[in-house]
Amino acid sequence: HIQEGLVKRLGFDKVVDGYISSYQVAEGRPYPYMVHQLMERLRIENVRRVCKVGDSCRDVEEGLNAGCGLVVGVLSGADSKEALMAAGAHVVANCVTDLPVPRGPVRQAKLRLPDLS
């Protein structure tokens, strides 16, 4: 409940599609389980459409392990820009609030499942 309160207090509930805690999966970072569980909840088919944002090298590793299309490091945590980039971040921002957000809902693609017949 702490996480939910922070998300709402910071106004992120209006700009993020979902959030999760490591308590909700078998293993936390750097395992990809949190990203994949959120994808399932939000009915996201393609992990390349996911942007993982985090302030630690473990966050970056999680995004890369999950196969996220964009992995962003932010400097609000203990790790430096150099460390986040060395961990594999595609880009590093000073603060999560510096990141651009869509102005409106992104067009949702129809779910396409493979024909297994």
PDB file of N, CA and C in Angstrom:
ATOM      1  N   HIS A   1       0.818  -1.209   0.000  1.00  0.00           N
ATOM      2  CA  HIS A   1       0.000   0.000   0.000  1.00  0.00           C
ATOM      3  C   HIS A   1       0.851   1.258   0.000  1.00  0.00           C
ATOM      4  N   ILE A   2       2.079   1.157   0.496  1.00  0.00           N
ATOM      5  CA  ILE A   2       2.987   2.304   0.489  1.00  0.00           C
ATOM      6  C   ILE A   2       3.258   2.738  -0.944  1.00  0.00           C
ATOM      7  N   GLN A   3       3.522   1.762  -1.804  1.00  0.00           N
ATOM      8  CA  GLN A   3       3.813   2.058  -3.209  1.00  0.00           C
ATOM      9  C   GLN A   3       2.630   2.770  -3.868  1.00  0.00           C
ATOM     10  N   GLU A   4       1.427   2.272  -3.643  1.00  0.00           N
ATOM     11  CA  GLU A   4       0.238   2.883  -4.235  1.00  0.00           C
ATOM     12  C   GLU A   4       0.074   4.332  -3.769  1.00  0.00           C
ATOM     13  N   GLY A   5       0.311   4.580  -2.486  1.00  0.00           N
ATOM     14  CA  GLY A   5       0.216   5.934  -1.951  1.00  0.00           C
ATOM     15  C   GLY A   5       1.222   6.877  -2.588  1.00  0.00           C
ATOM     16  N   LEU A   6       2.452   6.407  -2.765  1.00  0.00           N
ATOM     17  CA  LEU A   6       3.481   7.233  -3.407  1.00  0.00           C
ATOM     18  C   LEU A   6       3.123   7.535  -4.860  1.00  0.00           C
ATOM     19  N   VAL A   7       2.668   6.531  -5.575  1.00  0.00           N
ATOM     20  CA  VAL A   7       2.303   6.717  -6.979  1.00  0.00           C
ATOM     21  C   VAL A   7       1.209   7.774  -7.106  1.00  0.00           C
ATOM     22  N   LYS A   8       0.209   7.688  -6.255  1.00  0.00           N
ATOM     23  CA  LYS A   8      -0.892   8.659  -6.305  1.00  0.00           C
ATOM     24  C   LYS A   8      -0.440  10.050  -5.864  1.00  0.00           C
ATOM     25  N   ARG A   9       0.349  10.112  -4.778  1.00  0.00           N
ATOM     26  CA  ARG A   9       0.801  11.409  -4.253  1.00  0.00           C
ATOM     27  C   ARG A   9       1.667  12.156  -5.269  1.00  0.00           C
ATOM     28  N   LEU A  10       2.487  11.423  -6.002  1.00  0.00           N
ATOM     29  CA  LEU A  10       3.351  12.039  -7.008  1.00  0.00           C
ATOM     30  C   LEU A  10       2.636  12.298  -8.327  1.00  0.00           C
ATOM     31  N   GLY A  11       1.401  11.828  -8.440  1.00  0.00           N
ATOM     32  CA  GLY A  11       0.626  12.040  -9.659  1.00  0.00           C
ATOM     33  C   GLY A  11       0.975  11.078 -10.778  1.00  0.00           C
ATOM     34  N   PHE A  12       1.761  10.056 -10.459  1.00  0.00           N
ATOM     35  CA  PHE A  12       2.161   9.098 -11.498  1.00  0.00           C
ATOM     36  C   PHE A  12       1.003   8.211 -11.933  1.00  0.00           C
ATOM     37  N   ASP A  13      -0.043   8.109 -11.110  1.00  0.00           N
ATOM     38  CA  ASP A  13      -1.187   7.282 -11.497  1.00  0.00           C
ATOM     39  C   ASP A  13      -1.865   7.808 -12.752  1.00  0.00           C
ATOM     40  N   LYS A  14      -1.596   9.049 -13.104  1.00  0.00           N
ATOM     41  CA  LYS A  14      -2.172   9.650 -14.307  1.00  0.00           C
ATOM     42  C   LYS A  14      -1.302   9.441 -15.551  1.00  0.00           C
ATOM     43  N   VAL A  15      -0.051   8.996 -15.352  1.00  0.00           N
ATOM     44  CA  VAL A  15       0.864   8.881 -16.507  1.00  0.00           C
ATOM     45  C   VAL A  15       1.492   7.504 -16.688  1.00  0.00           C
ATOM     46  N   VAL A  16       1.376   6.620 -15.709  1.00  0.00           N
ATOM     47  CA  VAL A  16       1.937   5.272 -15.873  1.00  0.00           C
ATOM     48  C   VAL A  16       0.801   4.283 -16.088  1.00  0.00           C
ATOM     49  N   ASP A  17       1.092   3.264 -16.846  1.00  0.00           N
ATOM     50  CA  ASP A  17       0.083   2.245 -17.124  1.00  0.00           C
ATOM     51  C   ASP A  17      -0.049   1.246 -15.982  1.00  0.00           C
ATOM     52  N   GLY A  18       1.040   1.012 -15.253  1.00  0.00           N
ATOM     53  CA  GLY A  18       0.979   0.056 -14.166  1.00  0.00           C
ATOM     54  C   GLY A  18       2.249   0.086 -13.344  1.00  0.00           C
ATOM     55  N   TYR A  19       2.181  -0.515 -12.188  1.00  0.00           N
ATOM     56  CA  TYR A  19       3.349  -0.624 -11.321  1.00  0.00           C
ATOM     57  C   TYR A  19       3.214  -1.911 -10.528  1.00  0.00           C
ATOM     58  N   ILE A  20       4.320  -2.378 -10.000  1.00  0.00           N
ATOM     59  CA  ILE A  20       4.355  -3.671  -9.323  1.00  0.00           C
ATOM     60  C   ILE A  20       5.459  -3.658  -8.267  1.00  0.00           C
ATOM     61  N   SER A  21       5.354  -4.557  -7.321  1.00  0.00           N
ATOM     62  CA  SER A  21       6.366  -4.703  -6.275  1.00  0.00           C
ATOM     63  C   SER A  21       6.999  -6.084  -6.388  1.00  0.00           C
ATOM     64  N   SER A  22       8.230  -6.207  -5.942  1.00  0.00           N
ATOM     65  CA  SER A  22       8.907  -7.507  -5.977  1.00  0.00           C
ATOM     66  C   SER A  22       8.227  -8.514  -5.058  1.00  0.00           C
ATOM     67  N   TYR A  23       7.386  -8.045  -4.135  1.00  0.00           N
ATOM     68  CA  TYR A  23       6.649  -8.951  -3.262  1.00  0.00           C
ATOM     69  C   TYR A  23       5.566  -9.722  -4.022  1.00  0.00           C
ATOM     70  N   GLN A  24       5.265  -9.277  -5.245  1.00  0.00           N
ATOM     71  CA  GLN A  24       4.190  -9.882  -6.021  1.00  0.00           C
ATOM     72  C   GLN A  24       4.681 -10.943  -7.009  1.00  0.00           C
ATOM     73  N   VAL A  25       5.970 -11.234  -7.016  1.00  0.00           N
ATOM     74  CA  VAL A  25       6.534 -12.226  -7.931  1.00  0.00           C
ATOM     75  C   VAL A  25       7.499 -13.141  -7.164  1.00  0.00           C
ATOM     76  N   ALA A  26       7.870 -14.255  -7.812  1.00  0.00           N
ATOM     77  CA  ALA A  26       8.752 -15.233  -7.168  1.00  0.00           C
ATOM     78  C   ALA A  26      10.141 -14.669  -6.891  1.00  0.00           C
ATOM     79  N   GLU A  27      10.685 -13.902  -7.823  1.00  0.00           N
ATOM     80  CA  GLU A  27      12.025 -13.306  -7.689  1.00  0.00           C
ATOM     81  C   GLU A  27      11.974 -11.865  -8.178  1.00  0.00           C
ATOM     82  N   GLY A  28      12.671 -10.987  -7.464  1.00  0.00           N
ATOM     83  CA  GLY A  28      12.737  -9.577  -7.871  1.00  0.00           C
ATOM     84  C   GLY A  28      13.854  -9.337  -8.869  1.00  0.00           C
ATOM     85  N   ARG A  29      14.269  -8.099  -8.975  1.00  0.00           N
ATOM     86  CA  ARG A  29      15.332  -7.720  -9.901  1.00  0.00           C
ATOM     87  C   ARG A  29      16.597  -8.528  -9.640  1.00  0.00           C
ATOM     88  N   PRO A  30      17.341  -8.894 -10.638  1.00  0.00           N
ATOM     89  CA  PRO A  30      17.243  -8.549 -12.057  1.00  0.00           C
ATOM     90  C   PRO A  30      16.397  -9.524 -12.880  1.00  0.00           C
ATOM     91  N   TYR A  31      15.670 -10.430 -12.224  1.00  0.00           N
ATOM     92  CA  TYR A  31      14.779 -11.321 -12.966  1.00  0.00           C
ATOM     93  C   TYR A  31      13.700 -10.507 -13.675  1.00  0.00           C
ATOM     94  N   PRO A  32      13.209 -10.971 -14.810  1.00  0.00           N
ATOM     95  CA  PRO A  32      12.247 -10.197 -15.599  1.00  0.00           C
ATOM     96  C   PRO A  32      10.794 -10.367 -15.173  1.00  0.00           C
ATOM     97  N   TYR A  33      10.534 -11.047 -14.078  1.00  0.00           N
ATOM     98  CA  TYR A  33       9.177 -11.441 -13.725  1.00  0.00           C
ATOM     99  C   TYR A  33       8.223 -10.272 -13.482  1.00  0.00           C
ATOM    100  N   MET A  34       8.698  -9.185 -12.890  1.00  0.00           N
ATOM    101  CA  MET A  34       7.805  -8.046 -12.641  1.00  0.00           C
ATOM    102  C   MET A  34       7.345  -7.428 -13.954  1.00  0.00           C
ATOM    103  N   VAL A  35       8.269  -7.258 -14.889  1.00  0.00           N
ATOM    104  CA  VAL A  35       7.913  -6.699 -16.198  1.00  0.00           C
ATOM    105  C   VAL A  35       6.912  -7.617 -16.890  1.00  0.00           C
ATOM    106  N   HIS A  36       7.190  -8.905 -16.885  1.00  0.00           N
ATOM    107  CA  HIS A  36       6.316  -9.842 -17.586  1.00  0.00           C
ATOM    108  C   HIS A  36       4.936  -9.942 -16.935  1.00  0.00           C
ATOM    109  N   GLN A  37       4.865  -9.867 -15.606  1.00  0.00           N
ATOM    110  CA  GLN A  37       3.561  -9.900 -14.946  1.00  0.00           C
ATOM    111  C   GLN A  37       2.743  -8.650 -15.274  1.00  0.00           C
ATOM    112  N   LEU A  38       3.407  -7.500 -15.296  1.00  0.00           N
ATOM    113  CA  LEU A  38       2.698  -6.273 -15.683  1.00  0.00           C
ATOM    114  C   LEU A  38       2.214  -6.356 -17.125  1.00  0.00           C
ATOM    115  N   MET A  39       3.021  -6.936 -17.987  1.00  0.00           N
ATOM    116  CA  MET A  39       2.601  -7.105 -19.382  1.00  0.00           C
ATOM    117  C   MET A  39       1.330  -7.949 -19.458  1.00  0.00           C
ATOM    118  N   GLU A  40       1.297  -9.002 -18.674  1.00  0.00           N
ATOM    119  CA  GLU A  40       0.113  -9.865 -18.676  1.00  0.00           C
ATOM    120  C   GLU A  40      -1.109  -9.103 -18.161  1.00  0.00           C
ATOM    121  N   ARG A  41      -0.947  -8.387 -17.049  1.00  0.00           N
ATOM    122  CA  ARG A  41      -2.051  -7.605 -16.480  1.00  0.00           C
ATOM    123  C   ARG A  41      -2.604  -6.591 -17.468  1.00  0.00           C
ATOM    124  N   LEU A  42      -1.688  -5.934 -18.183  1.00  0.00           N
ATOM    125  CA  LEU A  42      -2.072  -4.851 -19.090  1.00  0.00           C
ATOM    126  C   LEU A  42      -2.334  -5.330 -20.518  1.00  0.00           C
ATOM    127  N   ARG A  43      -2.220  -6.648 -20.718  1.00  0.00           N
ATOM    128  CA  ARG A  43      -2.466  -7.261 -22.019  1.00  0.00           C
ATOM    129  C   ARG A  43      -1.547  -6.696 -23.096  1.00  0.00           C
ATOM    130  N   ILE A  44      -0.260  -6.586 -22.748  1.00  0.00           N
ATOM    131  CA  ILE A  44       0.751  -6.122 -23.691  1.00  0.00           C
ATOM    132  C   ILE A  44       1.411  -7.352 -24.295  1.00  0.00           C
ATOM    133  N   GLU A  45       1.325  -7.466 -25.593  1.00  0.00           N
ATOM    134  CA  GLU A  45       1.833  -8.642 -26.287  1.00  0.00           C
ATOM    135  C   GLU A  45       3.326  -8.558 -26.554  1.00  0.00           C
ATOM    136  N   ASN A  46       3.823  -7.374 -26.908  1.00  0.00           N
ATOM    137  CA  ASN A  46       5.190  -7.217 -27.391  1.00  0.00           C
ATOM    138  C   ASN A  46       6.045  -6.465 -26.369  1.00  0.00           C
ATOM    139  N   VAL A  47       7.011  -7.150 -25.790  1.00  0.00           N
ATOM    140  CA  VAL A  47       7.876  -6.545 -24.774  1.00  0.00           C
ATOM    141  C   VAL A  47       8.702  -5.392 -25.347  1.00  0.00           C
ATOM    142  N   ARG A  48       8.887  -5.353 -26.650  1.00  0.00           N
ATOM    143  CA  ARG A  48       9.647  -4.258 -27.267  1.00  0.00           C
ATOM    144  C   ARG A  48       8.901  -2.932 -27.152  1.00  0.00           C
ATOM    145  N   ARG A  49       7.602  -2.971 -26.816  1.00  0.00           N
ATOM    146  CA  ARG A  49       6.818  -1.748 -26.631  1.00  0.00           C
ATOM    147  C   ARG A  49       6.846  -1.256 -25.182  1.00  0.00           C
ATOM    148  N   VAL A  50       7.621  -1.939 -24.336  1.00  0.00           N
ATOM    149  CA  VAL A  50       7.688  -1.594 -22.916  1.00  0.00           C
ATOM    150  C   VAL A  50       8.921  -0.737 -22.651  1.00  0.00           C
ATOM    151  N   CYS A  51       8.715   0.337 -21.881  1.00  0.00           N
ATOM    152  CA  CYS A  51       9.819   1.171 -21.415  1.00  0.00           C
ATOM    153  C   CYS A  51       9.988   0.919 -19.923  1.00  0.00           C
ATOM    154  N   LYS A  52      11.133   0.393 -19.546  1.00  0.00           N
ATOM    155  CA  LYS A  52      11.468   0.152 -18.137  1.00  0.00           C
ATOM    156  C   LYS A  52      12.283   1.328 -17.635  1.00  0.00           C
ATOM    157  N   VAL A  53      11.827   1.953 -16.567  1.00  0.00           N
ATOM    158  CA  VAL A  53      12.522   3.090 -15.970  1.00  0.00           C
ATOM    159  C   VAL A  53      12.935   2.705 -14.555  1.00  0.00           C
ATOM    160  N   GLY A  54      14.185   2.960 -14.205  1.00  0.00           N
ATOM    161  CA  GLY A  54      14.643   2.644 -12.864  1.00  0.00           C
ATOM    162  C   GLY A  54      15.863   3.441 -12.474  1.00  0.00           C
ATOM    163  N   ASP A  55      16.138   3.465 -11.165  1.00  0.00           N
ATOM    164  CA  ASP A  55      17.246   4.279 -10.671  1.00  0.00           C
ATOM    165  C   ASP A  55      18.423   3.452 -10.155  1.00  0.00           C
ATOM    166  N   SER A  56      18.455   2.159 -10.525  1.00  0.00           N
ATOM    167  CA  SER A  56      19.576   1.325 -10.093  1.00  0.00           C
ATOM    168  C   SER A  56      20.036   0.426 -11.243  1.00  0.00           C
ATOM    169  N   CYS A  57      21.248  -0.064 -11.113  1.00  0.00           N
ATOM    170  CA  CYS A  57      21.772  -0.993 -12.117  1.00  0.00           C
ATOM    171  C   CYS A  57      20.922  -2.257 -12.169  1.00  0.00           C
ATOM    172  N   ARG A  58      20.385  -2.692 -11.036  1.00  0.00           N
ATOM    173  CA  ARG A  58      19.510  -3.861 -11.019  1.00  0.00           C
ATOM    174  C   ARG A  58      18.234  -3.600 -11.815  1.00  0.00           C
ATOM    175  N   ASP A  59      17.716  -2.380 -11.758  1.00  0.00           N
ATOM    176  CA  ASP A  59      16.548  -2.013 -12.567  1.00  0.00           C
ATOM    177  C   ASP A  59      16.876  -2.129 -14.054  1.00  0.00           C
ATOM    178  N   VAL A  60      18.027  -1.625 -14.423  1.00  0.00           N
ATOM    179  CA  VAL A  60      18.460  -1.680 -15.825  1.00  0.00           C
ATOM    180  C   VAL A  60      18.597  -3.135 -16.258  1.00  0.00           C
ATOM    181  N   GLU A  61      19.229  -3.945 -15.433  1.00  0.00           N
ATOM    182  CA  GLU A  61      19.410  -5.363 -15.752  1.00  0.00           C
ATOM    183  C   GLU A  61      18.062  -6.055 -15.915  1.00  0.00           C
ATOM    184  N   GLU A  62      17.098  -5.711 -15.073  1.00  0.00           N
ATOM    185  CA  GLU A  62      15.754  -6.290 -15.178  1.00  0.00           C
ATOM    186  C   GLU A  62      15.134  -5.957 -16.531  1.00  0.00           C
ATOM    187  N   GLY A  63      15.212  -4.693 -16.924  1.00  0.00           N
ATOM    188  CA  GLY A  63      14.654  -4.289 -18.216  1.00  0.00           C
ATOM    189  C   GLY A  63      15.304  -5.002 -19.381  1.00  0.00           C
ATOM    190  N   LEU A  64      16.616  -5.143 -19.323  1.00  0.00           N
ATOM    191  CA  LEU A  64      17.330  -5.846 -20.392  1.00  0.00           C
ATOM    192  C   LEU A  64      16.978  -7.329 -20.392  1.00  0.00           C
ATOM    193  N   ASN A  65      16.921  -7.950 -19.215  1.00  0.00           N
ATOM    194  CA  ASN A  65      16.573  -9.361 -19.122  1.00  0.00           C
ATOM    195  C   ASN A  65      15.156  -9.638 -19.617  1.00  0.00           C
ATOM    196  N   ALA A  66      14.259  -8.669 -19.421  1.00  0.00           N
ATOM    197  CA  ALA A  66      12.881  -8.817 -19.884  1.00  0.00           C
ATOM    198  C   ALA A  66      12.769  -8.602 -21.387  1.00  0.00           C
ATOM    199  N   GLY A  67      13.766  -7.934 -21.988  1.00  0.00           N
ATOM    200  CA  GLY A  67      13.723  -7.645 -23.419  1.00  0.00           C
ATOM    201  C   GLY A  67      13.019  -6.345 -23.756  1.00  0.00           C
ATOM    202  N   CYS A  68      12.927  -5.424 -22.797  1.00  0.00           N
ATOM    203  CA  CYS A  68      12.233  -4.147 -23.021  1.00  0.00           C
ATOM    204  C   CYS A  68      12.850  -3.379 -24.189  1.00  0.00           C
ATOM    205  N   GLY A  69      11.988  -2.713 -24.939  1.00  0.00           N
ATOM    206  CA  GLY A  69      12.441  -1.942 -26.087  1.00  0.00           C
ATOM    207  C   GLY A  69      13.215  -0.698 -25.699  1.00  0.00           C
ATOM    208  N   LEU A  70      12.954  -0.161 -24.517  1.00  0.00           N
ATOM    209  CA  LEU A  70      13.668   1.018 -24.034  1.00  0.00           C
ATOM    210  C   LEU A  70      13.904   0.848 -22.543  1.00  0.00           C
ATOM    211  N   VAL A  71      15.153   1.012 -22.129  1.00  0.00           N
ATOM    212  CA  VAL A  71      15.517   0.923 -20.711  1.00  0.00           C
ATOM    213  C   VAL A  71      16.155   2.249 -20.325  1.00  0.00           C
ATOM    214  N   VAL A  72      15.507   2.938 -19.383  1.00  0.00           N
ATOM    215  CA  VAL A  72      15.923   4.282 -18.984  1.00  0.00           C
ATOM    216  C   VAL A  72      16.410   4.263 -17.539  1.00  0.00           C
ATOM    217  N   GLY A  73      17.604   4.786 -17.315  1.00  0.00           N
ATOM    218  CA  GLY A  73      18.112   4.977 -15.966  1.00  0.00           C
ATOM    219  C   GLY A  73      17.833   6.400 -15.526  1.00  0.00           C
ATOM    220  N   VAL A  74      17.519   6.577 -14.253  1.00  0.00           N
ATOM    221  CA  VAL A  74      17.340   7.927 -13.702  1.00  0.00           C
ATOM    222  C   VAL A  74      18.278   8.096 -12.515  1.00  0.00           C
ATOM    223  N   LEU A  75      18.724   9.314 -12.316  1.00  0.00           N
ATOM    224  CA  LEU A  75      19.763   9.597 -11.323  1.00  0.00           C
ATOM    225  C   LEU A  75      19.220   9.901  -9.931  1.00  0.00           C
ATOM    226  N   SER A  76      18.019   9.419  -9.619  1.00  0.00           N
ATOM    227  CA  SER A  76      17.453   9.664  -8.288  1.00  0.00           C
ATOM    228  C   SER A  76      17.877   8.603  -7.277  1.00  0.00           C
ATOM    229  N   GLY A  77      18.609   7.589  -7.727  1.00  0.00           N
ATOM    230  CA  GLY A  77      19.048   6.521  -6.840  1.00  0.00           C
ATOM    231  C   GLY A  77      20.524   6.627  -6.524  1.00  0.00           C
ATOM    232  N   ALA A  78      21.081   5.520  -6.084  1.00  0.00           N
ATOM    233  CA  ALA A  78      22.477   5.511  -5.645  1.00  0.00           C
ATOM    234  C   ALA A  78      23.468   5.388  -6.794  1.00  0.00           C
ATOM    235  N   ASP A  79      23.010   4.895  -7.952  1.00  0.00           N
ATOM    236  CA  ASP A  79      23.949   4.631  -9.045  1.00  0.00           C
ATOM    237  C   ASP A  79      24.161   5.854  -9.939  1.00  0.00           C
ATOM    238  N   SER A  80      25.388   5.986 -10.419  1.00  0.00           N
ATOM    239  CA  SER A  80      25.775   7.122 -11.256  1.00  0.00           C
ATOM    240  C   SER A  80      25.371   6.905 -12.713  1.00  0.00           C
ATOM    241  N   LYS A  81      25.460   7.962 -13.494  1.00  0.00           N
ATOM    242  CA  LYS A  81      25.190   7.870 -14.922  1.00  0.00           C
ATOM    243  C   LYS A  81      26.113   6.839 -15.565  1.00  0.00           C
ATOM    244  N   GLU A  82      27.365   6.867 -15.193  1.00  0.00           N
ATOM    245  CA  GLU A  82      28.341   5.940 -15.766  1.00  0.00           C
ATOM    246  C   GLU A  82      27.979   4.489 -15.428  1.00  0.00           C
ATOM    247  N   ALA A  83      27.571   4.250 -14.190  1.00  0.00           N
ATOM    248  CA  ALA A  83      27.205   2.897 -13.767  1.00  0.00           C
ATOM    249  C   ALA A  83      25.944   2.420 -14.486  1.00  0.00           C
ATOM    250  N   LEU A  84      24.948   3.307 -14.608  1.00  0.00           N
ATOM    251  CA  LEU A  84      23.708   2.942 -15.296  1.00  0.00           C
ATOM    252  C   LEU A  84      23.964   2.640 -16.776  1.00  0.00           C
ATOM    253  N   MET A  85      24.808   3.455 -17.407  1.00  0.00           N
ATOM    254  CA  MET A  85      25.142   3.214 -18.815  1.00  0.00           C
ATOM    255  C   MET A  85      25.946   1.920 -18.958  1.00  0.00           C
ATOM    256  N   ALA A  86      26.872   1.666 -18.044  1.00  0.00           N
ATOM    257  CA  ALA A  86      27.673   0.443 -18.086  1.00  0.00           C
ATOM    258  C   ALA A  86      26.792  -0.788 -17.876  1.00  0.00           C
ATOM    259  N   ALA A  87      25.706  -0.635 -17.115  1.00  0.00           N
ATOM    260  CA  ALA A  87      24.773  -1.743 -16.896  1.00  0.00           C
ATOM    261  C   ALA A  87      23.930  -2.013 -18.132  1.00  0.00           C
ATOM    262  N   GLY A  88      23.914  -1.037 -19.082  1.00  0.00           N
ATOM    263  CA  GLY A  88      23.199  -1.252 -20.338  1.00  0.00           C
ATOM    264  C   GLY A  88      22.035  -0.321 -20.606  1.00  0.00           C
ATOM    265  N   ALA A  89      21.840   0.705 -19.751  1.00  0.00           N
ATOM    266  CA  ALA A  89      20.744   1.648 -20.004  1.00  0.00           C
ATOM    267  C   ALA A  89      20.885   2.254 -21.394  1.00  0.00           C
ATOM    268  N   HIS A  90      19.759   2.401 -22.073  1.00  0.00           N
ATOM    269  CA  HIS A  90      19.774   3.020 -23.394  1.00  0.00           C
ATOM    270  C   HIS A  90      19.957   4.535 -23.293  1.00  0.00           C
ATOM    271  N   VAL A  91      19.443   5.099 -22.204  1.00  0.00           N
ATOM    272  CA  VAL A  91      19.524   6.540 -21.959  1.00  0.00           C
ATOM    273  C   VAL A  91      19.422   6.755 -20.448  1.00  0.00           C
ATOM    274  N   VAL A  92      19.974   7.877 -19.981  1.00  0.00           N
ATOM    275  CA  VAL A  92      19.891   8.229 -18.562  1.00  0.00           C
ATOM    276  C   VAL A  92      19.332   9.643 -18.448  1.00  0.00           C
ATOM    277  N   ALA A  93      18.362   9.823 -17.540  1.00  0.00           N
ATOM    278  CA  ALA A  93      17.748  11.133 -17.282  1.00  0.00           C
ATOM    279  C   ALA A  93      18.079  11.556 -15.857  1.00  0.00           C
ATOM    280  N   ASN A  94      18.092  12.853 -15.621  1.00  0.00           N
ATOM    281  CA  ASN A  94      18.356  13.346 -14.272  1.00  0.00           C
ATOM    282  C   ASN A  94      17.278  12.919 -13.287  1.00  0.00           C
ATOM    283  N   CYS A  95      16.030  12.974 -13.723  1.00  0.00           N
ATOM    284  CA  CYS A  95      14.899  12.707 -12.836  1.00  0.00           C
ATOM    285  C   CYS A  95      13.773  12.075 -13.652  1.00  0.00           C
ATOM    286  N   VAL A  96      12.986  11.222 -13.035  1.00  0.00           N
ATOM    287  CA  VAL A  96      11.893  10.567 -13.751  1.00  0.00           C
ATOM    288  C   VAL A  96      10.893  11.586 -14.293  1.00  0.00           C
ATOM    289  N   THR A  97      10.750  12.730 -13.621  1.00  0.00           N
ATOM    290  CA  THR A  97       9.812  13.741 -14.099  1.00  0.00           C
ATOM    291  C   THR A  97      10.337  14.481 -15.327  1.00  0.00           C
ATOM    292  N   ASP A  98      11.607  14.247 -15.693  1.00  0.00           N
ATOM    293  CA  ASP A  98      12.156  14.831 -16.922  1.00  0.00           C
ATOM    294  C   ASP A  98      11.735  14.058 -18.166  1.00  0.00           C
ATOM    295  N   LEU A  99      11.193  12.869 -17.980  1.00  0.00           N
ATOM    296  CA  LEU A  99      10.842  12.023 -19.118  1.00  0.00           C
ATOM    297  C   LEU A  99       9.571  12.523 -19.792  1.00  0.00           C
ATOM    298  N   PRO A 100       9.539  12.481 -21.112  1.00  0.00           N
ATOM    299  CA  PRO A 100       8.310  12.879 -21.811  1.00  0.00           C
ATOM    300  C   PRO A 100       7.237  11.818 -21.613  1.00  0.00           C
ATOM    301  N   VAL A 101       5.994  12.252 -21.550  1.00  0.00           N
ATOM    302  CA  VAL A 101       4.874  11.314 -21.443  1.00  0.00           C
ATOM    303  C   VAL A 101       3.913  11.579 -22.592  1.00  0.00           C
ATOM    304  N   PRO A 102       3.215  10.555 -23.051  1.00  0.00           N
ATOM    305  CA  PRO A 102       2.244  10.769 -24.134  1.00  0.00           C
ATOM    306  C   PRO A 102       1.188  11.777 -23.712  1.00  0.00           C
ATOM    307  N   ARG A 103       0.728  12.566 -24.655  1.00  0.00           N
ATOM    308  CA  ARG A 103      -0.294  13.584 -24.357  1.00  0.00           C
ATOM    309  C   ARG A 103      -1.671  12.970 -24.160  1.00  0.00           C
ATOM    310  N   GLY A 104      -1.871  11.826 -24.719  1.00  0.00           N
ATOM    311  CA  GLY A 104      -3.163  11.143 -24.602  1.00  0.00           C
ATOM    312  C   GLY A 104      -2.937   9.656 -24.697  1.00  0.00           C
ATOM    313  N   PRO A 105      -4.015   8.908 -24.652  1.00  0.00           N
ATOM    314  CA  PRO A 105      -3.867   7.460 -24.734  1.00  0.00           C
ATOM    315  C   PRO A 105      -3.231   7.037 -26.056  1.00  0.00           C
ATOM    316  N   VAL A 106      -2.357   6.078 -25.969  1.00  0.00           N
ATOM    317  CA  VAL A 106      -1.733   5.534 -27.164  1.00  0.00           C
ATOM    318  C   VAL A 106      -2.700   4.525 -27.762  1.00  0.00           C
ATOM    319  N   ARG A 107      -2.822   4.555 -29.070  1.00  0.00           N
ATOM    320  CA  ARG A 107      -3.736   3.639 -29.752  1.00  0.00           C
ATOM    321  C   ARG A 107      -3.358   2.212 -29.398  1.00  0.00           C
ATOM    322  N   GLN A 108      -4.349   1.467 -28.930  1.00  0.00           N
ATOM    323  CA  GLN A 108      -4.095   0.090 -28.508  1.00  0.00           C
ATOM    324  C   GLN A 108      -4.290  -0.838 -29.698  1.00  0.00           C
ATOM    325  N   ALA A 109      -3.275  -1.623 -29.985  1.00  0.00           N
ATOM    326  CA  ALA A 109      -3.350  -2.582 -31.079  1.00  0.00           C
ATOM    327  C   ALA A 109      -4.188  -3.779 -30.649  1.00  0.00           C
ATOM    328  N   LYS A 110      -4.836  -4.379 -31.613  1.00  0.00           N
ATOM    329  CA  LYS A 110      -5.591  -5.604 -31.338  1.00  0.00           C
ATOM    330  C   LYS A 110      -4.604  -6.707 -30.978  1.00  0.00           C
ATOM    331  N   LEU A 111      -4.983  -7.524 -30.020  1.00  0.00           N
ATOM    332  CA  LEU A 111      -4.150  -8.645 -29.610  1.00  0.00           C
ATOM    333  C   LEU A 111      -4.131  -9.692 -30.717  1.00  0.00           C
ATOM    334  N   ARG A 112      -2.952 -10.018 -31.192  1.00  0.00           N
ATOM    335  CA  ARG A 112      -2.816 -11.011 -32.257  1.00  0.00           C
ATOM    336  C   ARG A 112      -2.123 -12.229 -31.684  1.00  0.00           C
ATOM    337  N   LEU A 113      -2.828 -13.322 -31.593  1.00  0.00           N
ATOM    338  CA  LEU A 113      -2.244 -14.551 -31.088  1.00  0.00           C
ATOM    339  C   LEU A 113      -1.888 -15.457 -32.264  1.00  0.00           C
ATOM    340  N   PRO A 114      -0.853 -16.254 -32.109  1.00  0.00           N
ATOM    341  CA  PRO A 114      -0.469 -17.138 -33.218  1.00  0.00           C
ATOM    342  C   PRO A 114      -1.534 -18.213 -33.463  1.00  0.00           C
ATOM    343  N   ASP A 115      -1.660 -18.603 -34.717  1.00  0.00           N
ATOM    344  CA  ASP A 115      -2.582 -19.677 -35.089  1.00  0.00           C
ATOM    345  C   ASP A 115      -1.886 -20.998 -34.781  1.00  0.00           C
ATOM    346  N   LEU A 116      -2.366 -21.714 -33.793  1.00  0.00           N
ATOM    347  CA  LEU A 116      -1.737 -22.968 -33.369  1.00  0.00           C
ATOM    348  C   LEU A 116      -2.446 -24.200 -33.929  1.00  0.00           C
ATOM    349  N   SER A 117      -3.345 -23.985 -34.868  1.00  0.00           N
ATOM    350  CA  SER A 117      -4.074 -25.134 -35.426  1.00  0.00           C
ATOM    351  C   SER A 117      -3.273 -25.904 -36.442  1.00  0.00           C
TER     352      SER A 117
END
